[in-house]
Amino acid sequence: MKFILSAAVSRSLILVILATFAFSFPRQAAFAQESLTAKSLEGVWKVTKVVQAGVVNANPQPGLLIFTRGYYSATRVTASEARKQSPAPKDPAHLTDAEKIAFYNEWAGYAASAGTYEVKGDAMINHNILAKMVRGMTITEEAIILNFDGNSFVAKPKPGNPNSDRETTYTRVR
C-alpha cells in the first residue's frame, strides 16, 4: 500500500506531530530547578528572608555570603534589630565593666566565618578556617539547600545542628 500526501498535508501532519510531542511532556526543561554545584554558587549573595519557628522576617538584618573558586566568606548580623555602637571608652587601656558589656553587646549579634566549601547533592558543606568565635575555627557546617534557581536559594542547617529550624533565603547580588 502506498501513501501519497500533498506538500501542504505533509507539513500540517509534521506540525501536528511536533505539537503533540511539545505539549505531551511535562515542562520540566523550561521550569526545572537549576542544578546545584559548587560552581553555580559562585558569586555574592545577600540574606533576604529568614523563617524561624514559623516566624517570617522578610526584612532581616544584613548578611553576605561570598563563594569563589572553592572558598567562601560569610558575615551576618544575627541580632533581630540593628546593632548599636558602643560609646568610646574613657580609658581604652582600662575598660570599666559597663564599657566591656557595651562592647560585648555590640559584637554579640554578629557572626563571621570563612574557609572552603563543597557541594554534595543538595548539601552545602563549609569547612571553616577562621571564624569570629574561636570554637568555630575548625568546625564543618552543613546546610541542606531546599531550593536553588540560580538567582536565589533557601538553606536550612542539617537536622541536629544549631538553628536547624531556621530557613534562610539568599538572593544573588552578583
Foldseek 3Di string as FASTA:
>chain_A
DDDDDDPVVVVVVVVVVVVCVVPVDDPCVVDPADDDWLVLPAAKKWWQWKAFPNDIDRHAFIKMWHGDDFKIKIKTQQDRDDADQQDDAPDVVDHDPVSVVNVCSRPVRMWIFMAGWGDDGQKIKGQTCDIPDPVNRGDIWIWGWPGHRSFKTWTATDPPDPRNRMITMIGGPD
